[in-house]
Structures are given as structure tokens and as C-alpha cells.
Amino acid sequence: MIIQIDSREKARAITKIVSEFDRHGITHPVSKLMVGDYMNYDNPRLIIDRKQNLSELCSNVCQDHERFRRELLLAQKNEIQMVFLVEHGKGIRQLADVIWWENPRRWKRRKNPDTGKWEEIETKAMTGETLYKILCTQERKYGCRFLFCDKEQTGSEIIRILSNGL
């Protein structure tokens, strides 16, 4: 098995993934991919895009929405199945679990100007329920998939997905 790693993946961030590939004797050349981060040469129509956590994914679908959408459309146009592997952990095992995600940007501490005491105020940051609805729409509209794992499992999950398909 040969897994190509996108050259935009930061070497420091993927040391454990590369170690897992080495442990399984998987060759892993580094070169720019059209979309995503990991591709098996035996099945170039299935590509994994790794996300560090739900905060990164939330940022992608909100602030970087147009870029994210263009990547999904490019994959769809080229008949590529995109799998987003989110290294969130913390009880998020499947897409339905995203509903219960607590966005760390949802609450902000500030000093009350009247009382001088610290208080937590709710912001307009996205909720887990809203993010879940957006991700479901993207799966339906673009044919992508959102899968979840702990950071320690990322390398073996990439191998599993790329060798067995979905």
C-alpha cells in the first residue's frame, strides 16, 4: 500500500501518523494533492482530509465557507469521495454526537462594567446543533462523509479507511 500525503500537511503535526504508516510498512510519499490530505494509490477516488478538532471544522464551514465549498465541488466534479476525519475525541464518535458539542467560543468571560465582577456571557458562536445540521446538509449535497476518532487513532483510521473503503 502507498499512501500519498499532501505537502501542505505540517510535518510536526503528523509525526504519529507517519510513525503508524512506518510501523505497517506503508510507503508515504509527500506531494501536493488536488483535494484533501491522504490518498491511497490503489484507490485515488477516495481521499481523507484530516481536521484537528470540531473547532477547526466549524471554522472551515463558517469563516472559510467559500473555500471549503469549492474544495467539495472540485472533489464532486472529479468523482472523488471526500472523507473528513476529525480528531476530536471527547465522546464524539459519530456525526450525531456533534449535536452535543460545546463550542469553546460560545462563552466569553468579561468584567461587568457596573459591578466590576467577572461574568460569563453567551456569544453568537455556532452551537453543536447548528454545526450538525450544516454537516448533514454537506454530506447530502456533496456526497462527503464526516468520521471521528481520537488523535491516537488517526494513523490506523487512515489506513483502515483507505484500505477498506467506506
N, C-alpha and C. Protein backbone atom coordinates (compact mmCIF):
# COMPACT_ATOMS: atom_id res chain seq x y z
N MET A 1 0.84 -1.19 0.00
CA MET A 1 0.00 0.00 0.00
C MET A 1 0.89 1.24 0.00
N ILE A 2 0.51 2.23 -0.80
CA ILE A 2 1.22 3.50 -0.84
C ILE A 2 0.20 4.59 -0.56
N ILE A 3 0.46 5.40 0.47
CA ILE A 3 -0.42 6.50 0.83
C ILE A 3 0.31 7.81 0.58
N GLN A 4 -0.24 8.60 -0.33
CA GLN A 4 0.35 9.91 -0.60
C GLN A 4 -0.16 10.89 0.45
N ILE A 5 0.78 11.69 0.99
CA ILE A 5 0.46 12.72 1.98
C ILE A 5 0.57 14.07 1.29
N ASP A 6 -0.41 14.92 1.48
CA ASP A 6 -0.38 16.24 0.89
C ASP A 6 0.78 17.05 1.48
N SER A 7 1.48 17.78 0.62
CA SER A 7 2.66 18.53 1.05
C SER A 7 2.31 19.70 1.98
N ARG A 8 1.04 20.06 2.06
CA ARG A 8 0.64 21.16 2.96
C ARG A 8 0.39 20.69 4.39
N GLU A 9 0.43 19.39 4.62
CA GLU A 9 0.33 18.86 5.99
C GLU A 9 1.61 19.21 6.72
N LYS A 10 1.49 19.76 7.92
CA LYS A 10 2.68 20.15 8.69
C LYS A 10 3.33 18.92 9.29
N ALA A 11 4.63 18.75 9.00
CA ALA A 11 5.38 17.57 9.42
C ALA A 11 5.26 17.33 10.93
N ARG A 12 5.33 18.39 11.72
CA ARG A 12 5.28 18.25 13.17
C ARG A 12 3.91 17.72 13.63
N ALA A 13 2.86 18.09 12.91
CA ALA A 13 1.50 17.70 13.31
C ALA A 13 1.19 16.24 12.97
N ILE A 14 1.96 15.65 12.06
CA ILE A 14 1.62 14.29 11.61
C ILE A 14 2.69 13.24 11.95
N THR A 15 3.56 13.54 12.89
CA THR A 15 4.63 12.59 13.23
C THR A 15 4.07 11.23 13.68
N LYS A 16 3.00 11.24 14.48
CA LYS A 16 2.43 9.97 14.95
C LYS A 16 1.76 9.21 13.80
N ILE A 17 1.17 9.93 12.87
CA ILE A 17 0.53 9.30 11.71
C ILE A 17 1.59 8.64 10.85
N VAL A 18 2.68 9.35 10.59
CA VAL A 18 3.78 8.82 9.78
C VAL A 18 4.41 7.60 10.48
N SER A 19 4.54 7.67 11.80
CA SER A 19 5.07 6.54 12.56
C SER A 19 4.19 5.30 12.40
N GLU A 20 2.87 5.50 12.39
CA GLU A 20 1.93 4.39 12.22
C GLU A 20 2.07 3.80 10.81
N PHE A 21 2.24 4.66 9.81
CA PHE A 21 2.46 4.18 8.44
C PHE A 21 3.74 3.34 8.38
N ASP A 22 4.81 3.84 9.01
CA ASP A 22 6.09 3.13 9.03
C ASP A 22 5.95 1.78 9.73
N ARG A 23 5.21 1.77 10.84
CA ARG A 23 5.00 0.54 11.61
C ARG A 23 4.31 -0.53 10.76
N HIS A 24 3.46 -0.11 9.84
CA HIS A 24 2.76 -1.05 8.96
C HIS A 24 3.46 -1.24 7.61
N GLY A 25 4.65 -0.66 7.47
CA GLY A 25 5.40 -0.81 6.23
C GLY A 25 4.76 -0.12 5.03
N ILE A 26 4.06 0.96 5.29
CA ILE A 26 3.37 1.69 4.22
C ILE A 26 4.27 2.80 3.71
N THR A 27 4.50 2.79 2.40
CA THR A 27 5.26 3.87 1.77
C THR A 27 4.37 5.11 1.77
N HIS A 28 4.97 6.29 2.04
CA HIS A 28 4.16 7.50 2.14
C HIS A 28 4.87 8.71 1.52
N PRO A 29 4.85 8.79 0.19
CA PRO A 29 5.45 9.96 -0.46
C PRO A 29 4.65 11.23 -0.14
N VAL A 30 5.36 12.36 -0.15
CA VAL A 30 4.73 13.65 0.12
C VAL A 30 4.69 14.45 -1.17
N SER A 31 3.50 14.85 -1.56
CA SER A 31 3.31 15.62 -2.79
C SER A 31 1.96 16.30 -2.69
N LYS A 32 1.77 17.37 -3.45
CA LYS A 32 0.51 18.12 -3.38
C LYS A 32 -0.64 17.28 -3.96
N LEU A 33 -1.73 17.24 -3.22
CA LEU A 33 -2.96 16.59 -3.69
C LEU A 33 -3.94 17.66 -4.16
N MET A 34 -4.77 17.31 -5.12
CA MET A 34 -5.78 18.25 -5.64
C MET A 34 -6.73 18.69 -4.52
N VAL A 35 -7.18 17.72 -3.73
CA VAL A 35 -8.05 17.97 -2.57
C VAL A 35 -7.61 17.03 -1.45
N GLY A 36 -7.87 17.42 -0.23
CA GLY A 36 -7.62 16.54 0.91
C GLY A 36 -6.17 16.40 1.29
N ASP A 37 -5.92 15.44 2.20
CA ASP A 37 -4.59 15.26 2.79
C ASP A 37 -3.96 13.88 2.57
N TYR A 38 -4.77 12.82 2.39
CA TYR A 38 -4.25 11.45 2.26
C TYR A 38 -4.99 10.70 1.16
N MET A 39 -4.21 9.96 0.35
CA MET A 39 -4.79 9.19 -0.75
C MET A 39 -4.02 7.90 -0.94
N ASN A 40 -4.74 6.80 -1.11
CA ASN A 40 -4.16 5.50 -1.41
C ASN A 40 -4.00 5.42 -2.93
N TYR A 41 -2.79 5.10 -3.41
CA TYR A 41 -2.57 5.00 -4.86
C TYR A 41 -3.49 3.96 -5.51
N ASP A 42 -3.88 2.94 -4.73
CA ASP A 42 -4.75 1.90 -5.28
C ASP A 42 -6.19 2.37 -5.49
N ASN A 43 -6.59 3.45 -4.81
CA ASN A 43 -7.94 3.98 -4.95
C ASN A 43 -7.90 5.51 -4.86
N PRO A 44 -7.48 6.18 -5.95
CA PRO A 44 -7.34 7.64 -5.91
C PRO A 44 -8.66 8.39 -5.87
N ARG A 45 -9.77 7.68 -5.89
CA ARG A 45 -11.09 8.33 -5.84
C ARG A 45 -11.63 8.44 -4.41
N LEU A 46 -10.83 8.01 -3.43
CA LEU A 46 -11.19 8.13 -2.02
C LEU A 46 -10.08 8.91 -1.33
N ILE A 47 -10.42 10.07 -0.79
CA ILE A 47 -9.40 10.93 -0.18
C ILE A 47 -9.85 11.36 1.21
N ILE A 48 -8.90 11.38 2.13
CA ILE A 48 -9.17 11.80 3.50
C ILE A 48 -8.61 13.20 3.73
N ASP A 49 -9.43 14.04 4.33
CA ASP A 49 -9.00 15.37 4.76
C ASP A 49 -9.06 15.35 6.28
N ARG A 50 -7.91 15.52 6.93
CA ARG A 50 -7.82 15.45 8.39
C ARG A 50 -8.12 16.82 9.00
N LYS A 51 -8.92 16.82 10.05
CA LYS A 51 -9.22 18.03 10.81
C LYS A 51 -8.82 17.78 12.25
N GLN A 52 -8.16 18.77 12.87
CA GLN A 52 -7.66 18.61 14.24
C GLN A 52 -8.77 18.42 15.26
N ASN A 53 -9.90 19.09 15.05
CA ASN A 53 -10.99 19.02 16.01
C ASN A 53 -12.23 19.69 15.41
N LEU A 54 -13.30 19.72 16.16
CA LEU A 54 -14.53 20.33 15.67
C LEU A 54 -14.41 21.84 15.54
N SER A 55 -13.55 22.46 16.32
CA SER A 55 -13.35 23.91 16.19
C SER A 55 -12.77 24.25 14.82
N GLU A 56 -11.80 23.46 14.35
CA GLU A 56 -11.24 23.69 13.02
C GLU A 56 -12.30 23.47 11.94
N LEU A 57 -13.07 22.39 12.07
CA LEU A 57 -14.11 22.10 11.10
C LEU A 57 -15.17 23.21 11.10
N CYS A 58 -15.54 23.68 12.27
CA CYS A 58 -16.51 24.76 12.41
C CYS A 58 -15.99 26.01 11.70
N SER A 59 -14.74 26.33 11.90
CA SER A 59 -14.12 27.47 11.23
C SER A 59 -14.17 27.31 9.71
N ASN A 60 -13.89 26.09 9.24
CA ASN A 60 -13.92 25.82 7.80
C ASN A 60 -15.30 26.04 7.20
N VAL A 61 -16.34 25.56 7.88
CA VAL A 61 -17.68 25.68 7.30
C VAL A 61 -18.30 27.06 7.52
N CYS A 62 -17.69 27.87 8.41
CA CYS A 62 -18.22 29.23 8.65
C CYS A 62 -17.34 30.28 7.96
N GLN A 63 -16.20 30.58 8.57
CA GLN A 63 -15.34 31.64 8.06
C GLN A 63 -14.77 31.33 6.68
N ASP A 64 -14.39 30.07 6.45
CA ASP A 64 -13.79 29.67 5.16
C ASP A 64 -14.79 28.97 4.27
N HIS A 65 -16.07 29.30 4.41
CA HIS A 65 -17.13 28.57 3.73
C HIS A 65 -16.92 28.45 2.22
N GLU A 66 -16.60 29.55 1.55
CA GLU A 66 -16.46 29.51 0.10
C GLU A 66 -15.32 28.61 -0.35
N ARG A 67 -14.17 28.70 0.34
CA ARG A 67 -13.03 27.84 0.00
C ARG A 67 -13.38 26.38 0.25
N PHE A 68 -14.03 26.12 1.37
CA PHE A 68 -14.43 24.76 1.73
C PHE A 68 -15.40 24.19 0.68
N ARG A 69 -16.37 25.00 0.29
CA ARG A 69 -17.36 24.60 -0.71
C ARG A 69 -16.70 24.33 -2.06
N ARG A 70 -15.75 25.19 -2.46
CA ARG A 70 -15.03 24.98 -3.73
C ARG A 70 -14.29 23.65 -3.73
N GLU A 71 -13.69 23.29 -2.59
CA GLU A 71 -12.98 22.02 -2.49
C GLU A 71 -13.95 20.85 -2.63
N LEU A 72 -15.11 20.95 -2.00
CA LEU A 72 -16.13 19.90 -2.11
C LEU A 72 -16.64 19.79 -3.55
N LEU A 73 -16.85 20.91 -4.21
CA LEU A 73 -17.31 20.90 -5.60
C LEU A 73 -16.25 20.31 -6.53
N LEU A 74 -14.98 20.64 -6.27
CA LEU A 74 -13.88 20.09 -7.08
C LEU A 74 -13.82 18.57 -6.93
N ALA A 75 -13.94 18.09 -5.70
CA ALA A 75 -13.95 16.65 -5.45
C ALA A 75 -15.14 15.99 -6.16
N GLN A 76 -16.30 16.60 -6.03
CA GLN A 76 -17.51 16.06 -6.65
C GLN A 76 -17.37 16.01 -8.18
N LYS A 77 -16.85 17.08 -8.75
CA LYS A 77 -16.66 17.16 -10.21
C LYS A 77 -15.72 16.07 -10.71
N ASN A 78 -14.73 15.73 -9.90
CA ASN A 78 -13.74 14.71 -10.28
C ASN A 78 -14.08 13.33 -9.73
N GLU A 79 -15.31 13.16 -9.26
CA GLU A 79 -15.81 11.89 -8.73
C GLU A 79 -14.93 11.33 -7.62
N ILE A 80 -14.53 12.22 -6.74
CA ILE A 80 -13.71 11.85 -5.58
C ILE A 80 -14.60 11.84 -4.34
N GLN A 81 -14.55 10.75 -3.59
CA GLN A 81 -15.27 10.64 -2.31
C GLN A 81 -14.39 11.28 -1.24
N MET A 82 -14.85 12.38 -0.66
CA MET A 82 -14.11 13.05 0.40
C MET A 82 -14.57 12.53 1.75
N VAL A 83 -13.60 12.16 2.58
CA VAL A 83 -13.88 11.76 3.95
C VAL A 83 -13.15 12.73 4.85
N PHE A 84 -13.88 13.40 5.72
CA PHE A 84 -13.28 14.30 6.69
C PHE A 84 -13.10 13.52 7.98
N LEU A 85 -11.85 13.32 8.38
CA LEU A 85 -11.55 12.59 9.60
C LEU A 85 -11.21 13.61 10.68
N VAL A 86 -12.12 13.76 11.64
CA VAL A 86 -12.00 14.78 12.67
C VAL A 86 -11.43 14.15 13.94
N GLU A 87 -10.26 14.64 14.36
CA GLU A 87 -9.56 14.10 15.53
C GLU A 87 -10.06 14.77 16.80
N HIS A 88 -11.33 14.70 17.06
CA HIS A 88 -11.87 15.43 18.20
C HIS A 88 -11.82 14.64 19.50
N GLY A 89 -12.20 13.37 19.45
CA GLY A 89 -12.25 12.58 20.69
C GLY A 89 -13.36 13.11 21.58
N LYS A 90 -13.15 13.08 22.89
CA LYS A 90 -14.06 13.64 23.90
C LYS A 90 -15.53 13.24 23.68
N GLY A 91 -15.76 11.97 23.38
CA GLY A 91 -17.12 11.47 23.26
C GLY A 91 -17.76 11.68 21.90
N ILE A 92 -17.08 12.32 20.98
CA ILE A 92 -17.62 12.50 19.63
C ILE A 92 -17.16 11.30 18.80
N ARG A 93 -18.07 10.34 18.59
CA ARG A 93 -17.74 9.11 17.86
C ARG A 93 -18.40 9.05 16.49
N GLN A 94 -19.49 9.79 16.32
CA GLN A 94 -20.24 9.77 15.06
C GLN A 94 -20.85 11.15 14.84
N LEU A 95 -21.33 11.37 13.65
CA LEU A 95 -21.88 12.67 13.29
C LEU A 95 -22.99 13.12 14.24
N ALA A 96 -23.85 12.21 14.64
CA ALA A 96 -24.97 12.58 15.53
C ALA A 96 -24.48 13.16 16.86
N ASP A 97 -23.28 12.79 17.30
CA ASP A 97 -22.73 13.30 18.57
C ASP A 97 -22.40 14.78 18.50
N VAL A 98 -22.23 15.32 17.30
CA VAL A 98 -21.86 16.73 17.13
C VAL A 98 -22.93 17.64 17.74
N ILE A 99 -24.17 17.19 17.78
CA ILE A 99 -25.26 17.98 18.36
C ILE A 99 -24.90 18.43 19.78
N TRP A 100 -24.18 17.58 20.52
CA TRP A 100 -23.89 17.87 21.93
C TRP A 100 -22.57 18.62 22.13
N TRP A 101 -21.90 18.96 21.04
CA TRP A 101 -20.61 19.66 21.13
C TRP A 101 -20.78 21.05 21.73
N GLU A 102 -19.93 21.37 22.70
CA GLU A 102 -19.91 22.71 23.30
C GLU A 102 -18.79 23.51 22.64
N ASN A 103 -19.16 24.46 21.81
CA ASN A 103 -18.18 25.30 21.14
C ASN A 103 -17.45 26.15 22.18
N PRO A 104 -16.11 26.04 22.26
CA PRO A 104 -15.39 26.81 23.28
C PRO A 104 -15.51 28.33 23.07
N ARG A 105 -15.90 28.74 21.88
CA ARG A 105 -16.06 30.17 21.61
C ARG A 105 -17.46 30.67 21.95
N ARG A 106 -18.31 29.78 22.42
CA ARG A 106 -19.70 30.13 22.70
C ARG A 106 -19.84 31.01 23.96
N TRP A 107 -18.93 30.85 24.90
CA TRP A 107 -18.98 31.62 26.15
C TRP A 107 -17.71 32.44 26.30
N LYS A 108 -17.87 33.65 26.78
CA LYS A 108 -16.74 34.57 26.92
C LYS A 108 -16.79 35.19 28.32
N ARG A 109 -15.63 35.27 28.94
CA ARG A 109 -15.56 35.92 30.27
C ARG A 109 -15.27 37.40 30.08
N ARG A 110 -16.00 38.21 30.81
CA ARG A 110 -15.74 39.65 30.77
C ARG A 110 -16.04 40.25 32.13
N LYS A 111 -15.43 41.39 32.35
CA LYS A 111 -15.65 42.09 33.61
C LYS A 111 -16.87 42.99 33.44
N ASN A 112 -17.83 42.82 34.32
CA ASN A 112 -19.04 43.64 34.27
C ASN A 112 -18.64 45.08 34.63
N PRO A 113 -18.93 46.04 33.73
CA PRO A 113 -18.52 47.42 34.00
C PRO A 113 -19.25 48.05 35.19
N ASP A 114 -20.43 47.54 35.51
CA ASP A 114 -21.20 48.11 36.63
C ASP A 114 -20.75 47.55 37.98
N THR A 115 -20.57 46.21 38.04
CA THR A 115 -20.25 45.57 39.32
C THR A 115 -18.75 45.34 39.50
N GLY A 116 -18.00 45.32 38.40
CA GLY A 116 -16.57 45.04 38.49
C GLY A 116 -16.26 43.56 38.66
N LYS A 117 -17.31 42.72 38.65
CA LYS A 117 -17.13 41.27 38.82
C LYS A 117 -17.03 40.60 37.45
N TRP A 118 -16.32 39.46 37.42
CA TRP A 118 -16.22 38.68 36.19
C TRP A 118 -17.49 37.88 35.99
N GLU A 119 -17.92 37.79 34.73
CA GLU A 119 -19.12 37.02 34.40
C GLU A 119 -18.92 36.37 33.04
N GLU A 120 -19.69 35.31 32.83
CA GLU A 120 -19.65 34.65 31.53
C GLU A 120 -20.86 35.11 30.73
N ILE A 121 -20.58 35.54 29.49
CA ILE A 121 -21.68 35.94 28.62
C ILE A 121 -21.69 35.05 27.39
N GLU A 122 -22.89 34.79 26.90
CA GLU A 122 -23.05 33.94 25.73
C GLU A 122 -22.78 34.76 24.47
N THR A 123 -22.01 34.18 23.54
CA THR A 123 -21.73 34.84 22.26
C THR A 123 -22.62 34.24 21.18
N LYS A 124 -22.46 34.72 19.98
CA LYS A 124 -23.25 34.20 18.86
C LYS A 124 -22.50 33.09 18.11
N ALA A 125 -21.45 32.55 18.71
CA ALA A 125 -20.70 31.47 18.08
C ALA A 125 -21.61 30.27 17.84
N MET A 126 -21.28 29.50 16.83
CA MET A 126 -22.11 28.37 16.41
C MET A 126 -22.28 27.31 17.50
N THR A 127 -23.47 26.76 17.57
CA THR A 127 -23.75 25.67 18.51
C THR A 127 -23.46 24.34 17.83
N GLY A 128 -23.37 23.30 18.63
CA GLY A 128 -23.19 21.95 18.10
C GLY A 128 -24.37 21.54 17.22
N GLU A 129 -25.56 21.92 17.62
CA GLU A 129 -26.75 21.56 16.85
C GLU A 129 -26.73 22.18 15.45
N THR A 130 -26.33 23.45 15.36
CA THR A 130 -26.25 24.12 14.06
C THR A 130 -25.17 23.50 13.20
N LEU A 131 -24.01 23.22 13.81
CA LEU A 131 -22.92 22.59 13.06
C LEU A 131 -23.35 21.23 12.53
N TYR A 132 -24.05 20.46 13.36
CA TYR A 132 -24.56 19.15 12.94
C TYR A 132 -25.45 19.27 11.71
N LYS A 133 -26.36 20.22 11.71
CA LYS A 133 -27.27 20.42 10.58
C LYS A 133 -26.49 20.79 9.31
N ILE A 134 -25.48 21.64 9.44
CA ILE A 134 -24.66 22.05 8.29
C ILE A 134 -23.91 20.84 7.73
N LEU A 135 -23.32 20.03 8.61
CA LEU A 135 -22.55 18.86 8.15
C LEU A 135 -23.46 17.83 7.48
N CYS A 136 -24.67 17.64 8.01
CA CYS A 136 -25.63 16.72 7.37
C CYS A 136 -25.99 17.21 5.98
N THR A 137 -26.19 18.51 5.84
CA THR A 137 -26.51 19.09 4.53
C THR A 137 -25.35 18.88 3.56
N GLN A 138 -24.13 19.05 4.04
CA GLN A 138 -22.96 18.88 3.16
C GLN A 138 -22.80 17.42 2.75
N GLU A 139 -23.06 16.49 3.65
CA GLU A 139 -23.00 15.07 3.28
C GLU A 139 -24.01 14.77 2.17
N ARG A 140 -25.21 15.29 2.35
CA ARG A 140 -26.28 15.04 1.38
C ARG A 140 -26.00 15.74 0.04
N LYS A 141 -25.54 16.97 0.10
CA LYS A 141 -25.36 17.78 -1.10
C LYS A 141 -24.11 17.42 -1.90
N TYR A 142 -23.00 17.10 -1.20
CA TYR A 142 -21.72 16.88 -1.88
C TYR A 142 -21.24 15.43 -1.83
N GLY A 143 -21.93 14.57 -1.09
CA GLY A 143 -21.54 13.16 -1.02
C GLY A 143 -20.31 12.90 -0.18
N CYS A 144 -19.92 13.86 0.67
CA CYS A 144 -18.75 13.65 1.53
C CYS A 144 -19.20 12.92 2.79
N ARG A 145 -18.25 12.53 3.63
CA ARG A 145 -18.54 11.85 4.90
C ARG A 145 -17.74 12.51 6.00
N PHE A 146 -18.29 12.53 7.21
CA PHE A 146 -17.60 13.06 8.38
C PHE A 146 -17.44 11.91 9.37
N LEU A 147 -16.19 11.52 9.63
CA LEU A 147 -15.88 10.46 10.58
C LEU A 147 -15.05 11.04 11.71
N PHE A 148 -15.03 10.37 12.84
CA PHE A 148 -14.40 10.92 14.04
C PHE A 148 -13.52 9.88 14.72
N CYS A 149 -12.44 10.36 15.34
CA CYS A 149 -11.54 9.46 16.07
C CYS A 149 -10.77 10.26 17.11
N ASP A 150 -10.09 9.55 18.00
CA ASP A 150 -9.15 10.18 18.93
C ASP A 150 -7.84 10.40 18.18
N LYS A 151 -7.05 11.38 18.61
CA LYS A 151 -5.78 11.68 17.94
C LYS A 151 -4.85 10.46 17.87
N GLU A 152 -4.89 9.62 18.90
CA GLU A 152 -4.00 8.45 18.94
C GLU A 152 -4.37 7.43 17.86
N GLN A 153 -5.60 7.48 17.38
CA GLN A 153 -6.09 6.50 16.40
C GLN A 153 -5.99 6.98 14.96
N THR A 154 -5.61 8.21 14.73
CA THR A 154 -5.68 8.80 13.39
C THR A 154 -4.93 7.98 12.35
N GLY A 155 -3.69 7.61 12.62
CA GLY A 155 -2.91 6.84 11.65
C GLY A 155 -3.58 5.54 11.28
N SER A 156 -4.03 4.79 12.28
CA SER A 156 -4.67 3.50 11.99
C SER A 156 -6.03 3.69 11.31
N GLU A 157 -6.75 4.76 11.63
CA GLU A 157 -8.03 5.05 10.97
C GLU A 157 -7.80 5.39 9.50
N ILE A 158 -6.77 6.15 9.21
CA ILE A 158 -6.46 6.50 7.80
C ILE A 158 -6.17 5.22 7.04
N ILE A 159 -5.36 4.34 7.61
CA ILE A 159 -5.03 3.07 6.97
C ILE A 159 -6.30 2.25 6.75
N ARG A 160 -7.13 2.15 7.78
CA ARG A 160 -8.36 1.36 7.69
C ARG A 160 -9.28 1.89 6.59
N ILE A 161 -9.52 3.18 6.59
CA ILE A 161 -10.44 3.77 5.61
C ILE A 161 -9.90 3.64 4.21
N LEU A 162 -8.62 3.94 4.02
CA LEU A 162 -8.05 3.91 2.66
C LEU A 162 -7.85 2.48 2.14
N SER A 163 -7.73 1.49 3.02
CA SER A 163 -7.54 0.13 2.54
C SER A 163 -8.87 -0.60 2.33
N ASN A 164 -9.87 -0.29 3.16
CA ASN A 164 -11.17 -0.97 3.06
C ASN A 164 -12.23 -0.16 2.33
N GLY A 165 -11.98 1.12 2.13
CA GLY A 165 -13.02 1.97 1.57
C GLY A 165 -14.08 2.23 2.63
N LEU A 166 -15.20 2.76 2.20
CA LEU A 166 -16.28 3.03 3.16
C LEU A 166 -17.26 1.91 3.05
